[in-house]
Amino acid sequence: MSTQVNNYFQTLPDVPKPFGTSQCLLFKEEILICGGQQTNDCYSYHTLKKQYKYICCYPNDVQFNGHCVVQLNNLQTNPNEIHLLSFGGQDENIIKQTFSMKYKSVWEINNNNNKIRVISNLKINLSILGSNTIKIPTLES
């Protein structure tokens, strides 16, 4: 349970893992925590329930040295889902990887289908680097 620390802050439940340089996004009543320097795990923090729930994990061979996660608004067709793009964070001599995820709240998933739906083959045209089209690997739970 949360306790009031002072007039401005209150103590909330401890995070399940250390999250150095993690990326966070707000989705309805959830804060999505997407990996970081010390972990590849992604969690949802429900702001009303004041609880954390595991979402999924980036592939084990991915190590982040800072990364960016953004919401892809142009793909939003269902108000109960969010489309995320995660990129960057690999050091200079490491293969660069970009991930996409179609997320539906882990708090609303029923027991019969507890898998998070993921975009399978998203292609993005990188006009900054030329007209190269790349296939983006996806996050899998």
N, C-alpha and C. Protein backbone atom coordinates (compact mmCIF):
# COMPACT_ATOMS: atom_id res chain seq x y z
N MET A 1 0.84 -1.19 0.00
CA MET A 1 0.00 0.00 0.00
C MET A 1 0.87 1.23 0.00
N SER A 2 0.41 2.30 -0.57
CA SER A 2 1.21 3.52 -0.64
C SER A 2 1.11 4.31 0.66
N THR A 3 2.18 5.00 0.98
CA THR A 3 2.21 5.86 2.16
C THR A 3 2.67 7.24 1.74
N GLN A 4 2.19 8.26 2.44
CA GLN A 4 2.56 9.63 2.13
C GLN A 4 3.94 9.92 2.70
N VAL A 5 4.89 10.35 1.86
CA VAL A 5 6.25 10.66 2.29
C VAL A 5 6.33 12.12 2.70
N ASN A 6 5.76 13.01 1.93
CA ASN A 6 5.69 14.43 2.26
C ASN A 6 4.47 14.99 1.54
N ASN A 7 4.39 16.28 1.42
CA ASN A 7 3.23 16.88 0.77
C ASN A 7 3.17 16.63 -0.73
N TYR A 8 4.27 16.17 -1.31
CA TYR A 8 4.33 16.04 -2.76
C TYR A 8 4.40 14.61 -3.27
N PHE A 9 5.09 13.75 -2.56
CA PHE A 9 5.32 12.38 -3.03
C PHE A 9 4.73 11.37 -2.07
N GLN A 10 4.38 10.21 -2.62
CA GLN A 10 3.98 9.08 -1.79
C GLN A 10 4.75 7.86 -2.25
N THR A 11 5.03 6.96 -1.34
CA THR A 11 5.75 5.73 -1.65
C THR A 11 4.79 4.75 -2.30
N LEU A 12 5.21 4.17 -3.41
CA LEU A 12 4.41 3.18 -4.13
C LEU A 12 5.13 1.84 -4.07
N PRO A 13 4.51 0.76 -4.54
CA PRO A 13 5.17 -0.55 -4.51
C PRO A 13 6.51 -0.53 -5.25
N ASP A 14 7.46 -1.32 -4.76
CA ASP A 14 8.77 -1.41 -5.40
C ASP A 14 8.63 -2.02 -6.79
N VAL A 15 9.48 -1.55 -7.71
CA VAL A 15 9.50 -2.14 -9.05
C VAL A 15 10.06 -3.56 -8.94
N PRO A 16 9.60 -4.48 -9.80
CA PRO A 16 10.03 -5.87 -9.70
C PRO A 16 11.50 -6.10 -10.03
N LYS A 17 12.11 -5.21 -10.82
CA LYS A 17 13.51 -5.34 -11.24
C LYS A 17 14.12 -3.96 -11.33
N PRO A 18 15.45 -3.87 -11.32
CA PRO A 18 16.07 -2.57 -11.57
C PRO A 18 15.89 -2.17 -13.04
N PHE A 19 15.54 -0.92 -13.27
CA PHE A 19 15.32 -0.41 -14.63
C PHE A 19 16.18 0.81 -14.87
N GLY A 20 17.43 0.60 -15.32
CA GLY A 20 18.29 1.72 -15.68
C GLY A 20 17.99 2.18 -17.09
N THR A 21 17.83 3.45 -17.30
CA THR A 21 17.53 4.08 -18.60
C THR A 21 16.37 3.39 -19.32
N SER A 22 15.32 3.07 -18.61
CA SER A 22 14.16 2.43 -19.24
C SER A 22 13.31 3.48 -19.94
N GLN A 23 12.46 3.02 -20.84
CA GLN A 23 11.52 3.88 -21.54
C GLN A 23 10.12 3.58 -21.03
N CYS A 24 9.35 4.62 -20.79
CA CYS A 24 7.99 4.46 -20.26
C CYS A 24 6.99 5.22 -21.12
N LEU A 25 5.80 4.64 -21.24
CA LEU A 25 4.71 5.28 -21.97
C LEU A 25 3.43 5.13 -21.16
N LEU A 26 2.54 6.07 -21.30
CA LEU A 26 1.25 6.01 -20.63
C LEU A 26 0.21 5.44 -21.59
N PHE A 27 -0.54 4.44 -21.12
CA PHE A 27 -1.62 3.84 -21.90
C PHE A 27 -2.80 3.63 -20.97
N LYS A 28 -3.82 4.45 -21.13
CA LYS A 28 -4.99 4.43 -20.24
C LYS A 28 -4.54 4.57 -18.80
N GLU A 29 -4.84 3.59 -17.93
CA GLU A 29 -4.44 3.66 -16.52
C GLU A 29 -3.12 2.96 -16.26
N GLU A 30 -2.36 2.67 -17.30
CA GLU A 30 -1.12 1.92 -17.17
C GLU A 30 0.09 2.76 -17.54
N ILE A 31 1.20 2.50 -16.88
CA ILE A 31 2.49 3.00 -17.30
C ILE A 31 3.25 1.78 -17.81
N LEU A 32 3.61 1.79 -19.09
CA LEU A 32 4.34 0.68 -19.69
C LEU A 32 5.83 0.96 -19.54
N ILE A 33 6.54 0.03 -18.90
CA ILE A 33 7.99 0.15 -18.69
C ILE A 33 8.65 -0.84 -19.64
N CYS A 34 9.41 -0.32 -20.59
CA CYS A 34 9.93 -1.14 -21.69
C CYS A 34 11.44 -1.32 -21.60
N GLY A 35 11.87 -2.35 -20.91
CA GLY A 35 13.28 -2.71 -20.84
C GLY A 35 14.18 -1.60 -20.33
N GLY A 36 15.48 -1.86 -20.37
CA GLY A 36 16.45 -0.88 -19.92
C GLY A 36 17.84 -1.49 -19.89
N GLN A 37 18.78 -0.75 -19.32
CA GLN A 37 20.17 -1.23 -19.28
C GLN A 37 20.33 -2.50 -18.47
N GLN A 38 19.56 -2.68 -17.43
CA GLN A 38 19.77 -3.82 -16.53
C GLN A 38 18.78 -4.96 -16.75
N THR A 39 17.79 -4.77 -17.61
CA THR A 39 16.83 -5.84 -17.86
C THR A 39 16.19 -5.67 -19.23
N ASN A 40 15.81 -6.78 -19.84
CA ASN A 40 15.08 -6.76 -21.11
C ASN A 40 13.59 -6.94 -20.90
N ASP A 41 13.17 -7.07 -19.65
CA ASP A 41 11.76 -7.30 -19.34
C ASP A 41 10.94 -6.02 -19.48
N CYS A 42 9.67 -6.22 -19.84
CA CYS A 42 8.72 -5.12 -19.94
C CYS A 42 7.59 -5.37 -18.93
N TYR A 43 7.18 -4.32 -18.24
CA TYR A 43 6.14 -4.43 -17.22
C TYR A 43 5.08 -3.36 -17.43
N SER A 44 3.91 -3.62 -16.88
CA SER A 44 2.85 -2.63 -16.82
C SER A 44 2.63 -2.29 -15.35
N TYR A 45 2.56 -1.00 -15.06
CA TYR A 45 2.19 -0.56 -13.70
C TYR A 45 0.80 0.04 -13.80
N HIS A 46 -0.17 -0.55 -13.08
CA HIS A 46 -1.54 -0.05 -13.10
C HIS A 46 -1.66 1.05 -12.05
N THR A 47 -1.96 2.27 -12.49
CA THR A 47 -1.95 3.42 -11.59
C THR A 47 -3.10 3.41 -10.59
N LEU A 48 -4.19 2.72 -10.88
CA LEU A 48 -5.30 2.65 -9.94
C LEU A 48 -5.15 1.47 -8.98
N LYS A 49 -4.70 0.33 -9.50
CA LYS A 49 -4.50 -0.86 -8.66
C LYS A 49 -3.20 -0.82 -7.89
N LYS A 50 -2.27 0.05 -8.33
CA LYS A 50 -0.94 0.19 -7.71
C LYS A 50 -0.21 -1.16 -7.67
N GLN A 51 -0.21 -1.83 -8.83
CA GLN A 51 0.45 -3.13 -8.97
C GLN A 51 1.21 -3.19 -10.29
N TYR A 52 2.22 -4.05 -10.31
CA TYR A 52 2.99 -4.31 -11.53
C TYR A 52 2.57 -5.66 -12.10
N LYS A 53 2.65 -5.78 -13.43
CA LYS A 53 2.39 -7.06 -14.08
C LYS A 53 3.37 -7.21 -15.25
N TYR A 54 3.95 -8.39 -15.37
CA TYR A 54 4.89 -8.70 -16.44
C TYR A 54 4.17 -8.69 -17.78
N ILE A 55 4.80 -8.08 -18.80
CA ILE A 55 4.24 -8.07 -20.16
C ILE A 55 4.97 -9.08 -21.03
N CYS A 56 6.26 -8.86 -21.26
CA CYS A 56 7.06 -9.70 -22.14
C CYS A 56 8.52 -9.33 -21.97
N CYS A 57 9.38 -9.91 -22.81
CA CYS A 57 10.82 -9.66 -22.71
C CYS A 57 11.39 -9.47 -24.11
N TYR A 58 12.31 -8.50 -24.25
CA TYR A 58 13.07 -8.40 -25.49
C TYR A 58 13.91 -9.67 -25.62
N PRO A 59 14.35 -10.03 -26.83
CA PRO A 59 15.20 -11.22 -26.99
C PRO A 59 16.44 -11.14 -26.10
N ASN A 60 16.90 -12.30 -25.63
CA ASN A 60 18.02 -12.36 -24.68
C ASN A 60 19.31 -11.77 -25.22
N ASP A 61 19.51 -11.83 -26.54
CA ASP A 61 20.77 -11.34 -27.10
C ASP A 61 20.79 -9.82 -27.29
N VAL A 62 19.71 -9.13 -26.94
CA VAL A 62 19.64 -7.67 -27.07
C VAL A 62 20.11 -7.03 -25.77
N GLN A 63 21.07 -6.12 -25.88
CA GLN A 63 21.53 -5.35 -24.72
C GLN A 63 21.38 -3.88 -25.05
N PHE A 64 20.72 -3.14 -24.15
CA PHE A 64 20.46 -1.73 -24.41
C PHE A 64 21.47 -0.85 -23.72
N ASN A 65 21.93 0.15 -24.46
CA ASN A 65 22.74 1.23 -23.90
C ASN A 65 21.96 2.50 -24.21
N GLY A 66 20.75 2.57 -23.68
CA GLY A 66 19.81 3.63 -24.02
C GLY A 66 19.02 3.21 -25.24
N HIS A 67 17.73 3.42 -25.25
CA HIS A 67 16.89 3.12 -26.40
C HIS A 67 15.66 4.02 -26.35
N CYS A 68 14.86 3.98 -27.37
CA CYS A 68 13.69 4.84 -27.47
C CYS A 68 12.47 4.00 -27.82
N VAL A 69 11.36 4.25 -27.14
CA VAL A 69 10.10 3.57 -27.45
C VAL A 69 9.06 4.65 -27.71
N VAL A 70 8.39 4.55 -28.85
CA VAL A 70 7.37 5.54 -29.20
C VAL A 70 6.09 4.83 -29.62
N GLN A 71 4.98 5.56 -29.52
CA GLN A 71 3.69 5.05 -29.95
C GLN A 71 3.49 5.40 -31.42
N LEU A 72 3.04 4.42 -32.20
CA LEU A 72 2.74 4.63 -33.62
C LEU A 72 1.26 4.98 -33.75
N ASN A 73 0.94 6.25 -33.74
CA ASN A 73 -0.46 6.68 -33.77
C ASN A 73 -1.17 6.33 -35.07
N ASN A 74 -0.45 6.33 -36.19
CA ASN A 74 -1.11 6.08 -37.47
C ASN A 74 -1.60 4.64 -37.61
N LEU A 75 -1.15 3.74 -36.75
CA LEU A 75 -1.61 2.35 -36.80
C LEU A 75 -2.76 2.08 -35.82
N GLN A 76 -3.17 3.09 -35.07
CA GLN A 76 -4.20 2.90 -34.05
C GLN A 76 -5.56 2.70 -34.70
N THR A 77 -6.10 1.49 -34.61
CA THR A 77 -7.44 1.22 -35.12
C THR A 77 -8.36 0.74 -34.02
N ASN A 78 -7.79 0.27 -32.92
CA ASN A 78 -8.56 -0.24 -31.80
C ASN A 78 -8.18 0.57 -30.56
N PRO A 79 -9.12 1.23 -29.90
CA PRO A 79 -8.79 2.05 -28.73
C PRO A 79 -8.29 1.23 -27.54
N ASN A 80 -8.44 -0.10 -27.59
CA ASN A 80 -7.98 -0.96 -26.50
C ASN A 80 -6.59 -1.52 -26.75
N GLU A 81 -5.94 -1.09 -27.83
CA GLU A 81 -4.58 -1.54 -28.16
C GLU A 81 -3.70 -0.34 -28.42
N ILE A 82 -2.40 -0.56 -28.27
CA ILE A 82 -1.42 0.46 -28.58
C ILE A 82 -0.31 -0.18 -29.40
N HIS A 83 0.17 0.53 -30.40
CA HIS A 83 1.26 0.03 -31.25
C HIS A 83 2.54 0.76 -30.85
N LEU A 84 3.58 -0.01 -30.52
CA LEU A 84 4.84 0.56 -30.06
C LEU A 84 5.97 0.22 -31.02
N LEU A 85 6.91 1.15 -31.15
CA LEU A 85 8.12 0.94 -31.93
C LEU A 85 9.30 1.21 -31.00
N SER A 86 10.20 0.25 -30.88
CA SER A 86 11.37 0.35 -30.01
C SER A 86 12.62 0.28 -30.88
N PHE A 87 13.50 1.28 -30.74
CA PHE A 87 14.70 1.28 -31.58
C PHE A 87 15.86 1.93 -30.85
N GLY A 88 17.06 1.68 -31.40
CA GLY A 88 18.27 2.28 -30.85
C GLY A 88 18.76 1.55 -29.62
N GLY A 89 19.81 2.11 -29.04
CA GLY A 89 20.33 1.59 -27.80
C GLY A 89 21.47 0.61 -27.92
N GLN A 90 21.82 0.21 -29.14
CA GLN A 90 22.94 -0.70 -29.30
C GLN A 90 24.23 0.10 -29.50
N ASP A 91 25.32 -0.44 -28.98
CA ASP A 91 26.61 0.24 -29.12
C ASP A 91 27.05 0.28 -30.58
N GLU A 92 28.13 1.00 -30.83
CA GLU A 92 28.61 1.30 -32.18
C GLU A 92 28.84 0.07 -33.05
N ASN A 93 29.46 -0.97 -32.53
CA ASN A 93 29.83 -2.13 -33.34
C ASN A 93 28.86 -3.30 -33.22
N ILE A 94 27.65 -3.04 -32.78
CA ILE A 94 26.64 -4.08 -32.60
C ILE A 94 25.54 -3.87 -33.63
N ILE A 95 25.00 -4.96 -34.18
CA ILE A 95 23.92 -4.88 -35.16
C ILE A 95 22.74 -4.13 -34.54
N LYS A 96 22.22 -3.19 -35.28
CA LYS A 96 21.09 -2.38 -34.81
C LYS A 96 19.80 -3.16 -35.00
N GLN A 97 18.94 -3.12 -33.99
CA GLN A 97 17.68 -3.84 -34.06
C GLN A 97 16.54 -2.90 -33.72
N THR A 98 15.42 -3.10 -34.40
CA THR A 98 14.21 -2.34 -34.15
C THR A 98 13.09 -3.33 -33.92
N PHE A 99 12.23 -3.05 -32.94
CA PHE A 99 11.16 -3.97 -32.58
C PHE A 99 9.82 -3.25 -32.62
N SER A 100 8.78 -3.98 -32.95
CA SER A 100 7.43 -3.43 -32.90
C SER A 100 6.56 -4.35 -32.06
N MET A 101 5.59 -3.76 -31.39
CA MET A 101 4.69 -4.56 -30.57
C MET A 101 3.30 -3.95 -30.63
N LYS A 102 2.31 -4.80 -30.78
CA LYS A 102 0.91 -4.40 -30.68
C LYS A 102 0.47 -4.89 -29.30
N TYR A 103 0.22 -3.95 -28.41
CA TYR A 103 -0.03 -4.29 -27.00
C TYR A 103 -1.50 -4.12 -26.65
N LYS A 104 -2.04 -5.13 -26.00
CA LYS A 104 -3.36 -5.05 -25.38
C LYS A 104 -3.14 -5.27 -23.90
N SER A 105 -3.81 -4.51 -23.08
CA SER A 105 -3.56 -4.51 -21.65
C SER A 105 -3.49 -5.92 -21.04
N VAL A 106 -2.43 -6.16 -20.27
CA VAL A 106 -2.32 -7.43 -19.55
C VAL A 106 -3.33 -7.50 -18.41
N TRP A 107 -3.92 -6.39 -18.06
CA TRP A 107 -4.92 -6.36 -17.00
C TRP A 107 -6.29 -6.76 -17.52
N GLU A 108 -6.49 -6.76 -18.83
CA GLU A 108 -7.79 -7.07 -19.42
C GLU A 108 -7.82 -8.42 -20.13
N ILE A 109 -6.69 -9.11 -20.20
CA ILE A 109 -6.62 -10.38 -20.91
C ILE A 109 -7.28 -11.47 -20.08
N ASN A 110 -8.15 -12.27 -20.72
CA ASN A 110 -8.80 -13.34 -19.99
C ASN A 110 -7.88 -14.55 -19.88
N ASN A 111 -8.23 -15.50 -19.05
CA ASN A 111 -7.39 -16.66 -18.77
C ASN A 111 -7.27 -17.61 -19.96
N ASN A 112 -8.23 -17.59 -20.88
CA ASN A 112 -8.19 -18.50 -22.02
C ASN A 112 -7.17 -18.07 -23.07
N ASN A 113 -6.87 -16.78 -23.12
CA ASN A 113 -5.95 -16.28 -24.14
C ASN A 113 -5.03 -15.26 -23.50
N ASN A 114 -4.00 -15.72 -22.81
CA ASN A 114 -3.14 -14.81 -22.08
C ASN A 114 -1.91 -14.37 -22.86
N LYS A 115 -1.88 -14.63 -24.15
CA LYS A 115 -0.76 -14.17 -24.98
C LYS A 115 -1.01 -12.74 -25.44
N ILE A 116 0.04 -11.98 -25.48
CA ILE A 116 -0.02 -10.62 -25.98
C ILE A 116 0.13 -10.68 -27.49
N ARG A 117 -0.75 -10.02 -28.21
CA ARG A 117 -0.67 -10.04 -29.66
C ARG A 117 0.44 -9.12 -30.14
N VAL A 118 1.21 -9.61 -31.08
CA VAL A 118 2.38 -8.88 -31.58
C VAL A 118 2.28 -8.76 -33.09
N ILE A 119 2.71 -7.63 -33.62
CA ILE A 119 2.77 -7.45 -35.07
C ILE A 119 3.82 -8.42 -35.61
N SER A 120 3.51 -9.15 -36.67
CA SER A 120 4.44 -10.18 -37.13
C SER A 120 5.45 -9.68 -38.17
N ASN A 121 5.05 -8.98 -39.18
CA ASN A 121 5.98 -8.56 -40.24
C ASN A 121 5.74 -7.10 -40.60
N LEU A 122 6.27 -6.20 -39.85
CA LEU A 122 6.14 -4.78 -40.13
C LEU A 122 7.34 -4.31 -40.91
N LYS A 123 7.11 -3.62 -42.02
CA LYS A 123 8.21 -3.06 -42.80
C LYS A 123 8.14 -1.55 -42.72
N ILE A 124 9.30 -0.92 -42.60
CA ILE A 124 9.37 0.54 -42.53
C ILE A 124 10.35 1.03 -43.57
N ASN A 125 9.98 2.05 -44.29
CA ASN A 125 10.86 2.65 -45.28
C ASN A 125 11.68 3.74 -44.58
N LEU A 126 12.98 3.55 -44.51
CA LEU A 126 13.85 4.51 -43.84
C LEU A 126 14.34 5.54 -44.86
N SER A 127 13.59 6.62 -45.01
CA SER A 127 13.94 7.63 -46.01
C SER A 127 15.18 8.42 -45.60
N ILE A 128 15.49 8.48 -44.33
CA ILE A 128 16.68 9.20 -43.87
C ILE A 128 17.94 8.50 -44.37
N LEU A 129 17.93 7.17 -44.38
CA LEU A 129 19.10 6.39 -44.79
C LEU A 129 19.05 6.02 -46.27
N GLY A 130 18.12 6.55 -46.99
CA GLY A 130 17.93 6.17 -48.39
C GLY A 130 16.59 5.48 -48.52
N SER A 131 16.42 4.73 -49.56
CA SER A 131 15.13 4.07 -49.76
C SER A 131 15.20 2.59 -49.41
N ASN A 132 16.01 2.25 -48.43
CA ASN A 132 16.12 0.85 -48.01
C ASN A 132 14.91 0.47 -47.17
N THR A 133 14.31 -0.66 -47.47
CA THR A 133 13.21 -1.18 -46.68
C THR A 133 13.76 -2.31 -45.83
N ILE A 134 13.46 -2.26 -44.54
CA ILE A 134 13.96 -3.29 -43.64
C ILE A 134 12.81 -4.04 -43.01
N LYS A 135 13.06 -5.28 -42.65
CA LYS A 135 12.08 -6.07 -41.91
C LYS A 135 12.42 -5.92 -40.44
N ILE A 136 11.42 -5.62 -39.63
CA ILE A 136 11.65 -5.38 -38.22
C ILE A 136 11.30 -6.62 -37.43
N PRO A 137 12.24 -7.14 -36.60
CA PRO A 137 11.90 -8.26 -35.73
C PRO A 137 10.85 -7.83 -34.72
N THR A 138 10.07 -8.75 -34.20
CA THR A 138 9.03 -8.41 -33.25
C THR A 138 9.35 -8.94 -31.87
N LEU A 139 8.76 -8.29 -30.86
CA LEU A 139 8.86 -8.79 -29.50
C LEU A 139 7.95 -10.00 -29.38
N GLU A 140 8.41 -11.02 -28.73
CA GLU A 140 7.58 -12.19 -28.52
C GLU A 140 7.53 -12.48 -27.04
N SER A 141 6.35 -12.81 -26.55
CA SER A 141 6.23 -13.11 -25.13
C SER A 141 6.49 -14.57 -24.87
